[in-house]
């Protein structure tokens, strides 16, 4: 039981050291820039998916109209 607690304590201390000492956190400017890039990429990808879905839907409707 003592071995488990000492290992758990060591894990916790190493985790805190990783998060608060060794990690490099972005500045507010970097965070804003990254957020804007992600929003733009999601909007662009959404527009591409919408265009593909709209085009394929119209193509299927046109193709099924000829079959009827």
Protein backbone atom coordinates (compact mmCIF):
# COMPACT_ATOMS: atom_id res chain seq x y z
CA UNK A 1 0.00 0.00 0.00
CA UNK A 2 2.84 2.38 0.83
CA UNK A 3 4.51 1.65 -2.51
CA UNK A 4 1.31 2.53 -4.36
CA UNK A 5 0.96 5.83 -2.49
CA UNK A 6 4.58 6.78 -3.11
CA UNK A 7 4.19 6.01 -6.82
CA UNK A 8 0.96 8.01 -6.94
CA UNK A 9 2.65 10.94 -5.21
CA UNK A 10 5.59 10.79 -7.62
CA UNK A 11 3.21 10.71 -10.58
CA UNK A 12 1.30 13.71 -9.23
CA UNK A 13 4.48 15.72 -8.64
CA UNK A 14 5.80 14.91 -12.13
CA UNK A 15 2.47 15.89 -13.65
CA UNK A 16 2.48 19.24 -11.89
CA UNK A 17 6.07 19.84 -12.98
CA UNK A 18 5.19 19.04 -16.61
CA UNK A 19 2.14 21.29 -16.67
CA UNK A 20 3.37 24.31 -14.74
CA UNK A 21 7.15 24.33 -15.18
CA UNK A 22 8.18 22.55 -18.38
CA UNK A 23 5.21 23.38 -20.60
CA UNK A 24 5.31 26.52 -22.71
CA UNK A 25 1.92 28.19 -22.83
CA UNK A 26 0.93 30.48 -25.72
CA UNK A 27 0.75 34.20 -25.28
CA UNK A 28 -2.69 35.82 -25.64
CA UNK A 29 -1.71 37.04 -29.14
CA UNK A 30 -0.63 33.54 -30.22
CA UNK A 31 -3.81 32.08 -28.78
CA UNK A 32 -5.98 34.59 -30.64
CA UNK A 33 -4.12 34.00 -33.91
CA UNK A 34 -4.43 30.23 -33.56
CA UNK A 35 -8.12 30.53 -32.74
CA UNK A 36 -8.76 32.66 -35.81
CA UNK A 37 -6.90 30.17 -38.01
CA UNK A 38 -9.01 27.31 -36.64
CA UNK A 39 -12.26 29.24 -37.15
CA UNK A 40 -11.27 30.12 -40.73
CA UNK A 41 -10.28 26.52 -41.49
CA UNK A 42 -13.56 25.17 -40.08
CA UNK A 43 -15.55 27.74 -42.08
CA UNK A 44 -13.67 26.86 -45.27
CA UNK A 45 -14.10 23.14 -44.73
CA UNK A 46 -17.79 23.66 -43.96
CA UNK A 47 -18.23 25.61 -47.21
CA UNK A 48 -16.51 22.84 -49.20
CA UNK A 49 -18.66 20.15 -47.60
CA UNK A 50 -21.80 22.23 -48.20
CA UNK A 51 -20.87 22.74 -51.87
CA UNK A 52 -20.15 19.03 -52.38
CA UNK A 53 -23.36 17.99 -50.63
CA UNK A 54 -25.46 20.50 -52.56
CA UNK A 55 -23.90 19.50 -55.89
CA UNK A 56 -24.27 15.78 -55.30
CA UNK A 57 -27.84 16.20 -54.10
CA UNK A 58 -28.78 18.12 -57.24
CA UNK A 59 -26.98 15.57 -59.43
CA UNK A 60 -28.87 12.67 -57.82
CA UNK A 61 -32.19 14.50 -58.25
CA UNK A 62 -31.37 15.17 -61.90
CA UNK A 63 -30.29 11.56 -62.49
CA UNK A 64 -33.41 10.14 -60.85
CA UNK A 65 -35.60 12.51 -62.87
CA UNK A 66 -34.27 10.89 -66.08
CA UNK A 67 -34.97 7.39 -64.76
CA UNK A 68 -38.62 8.03 -63.97
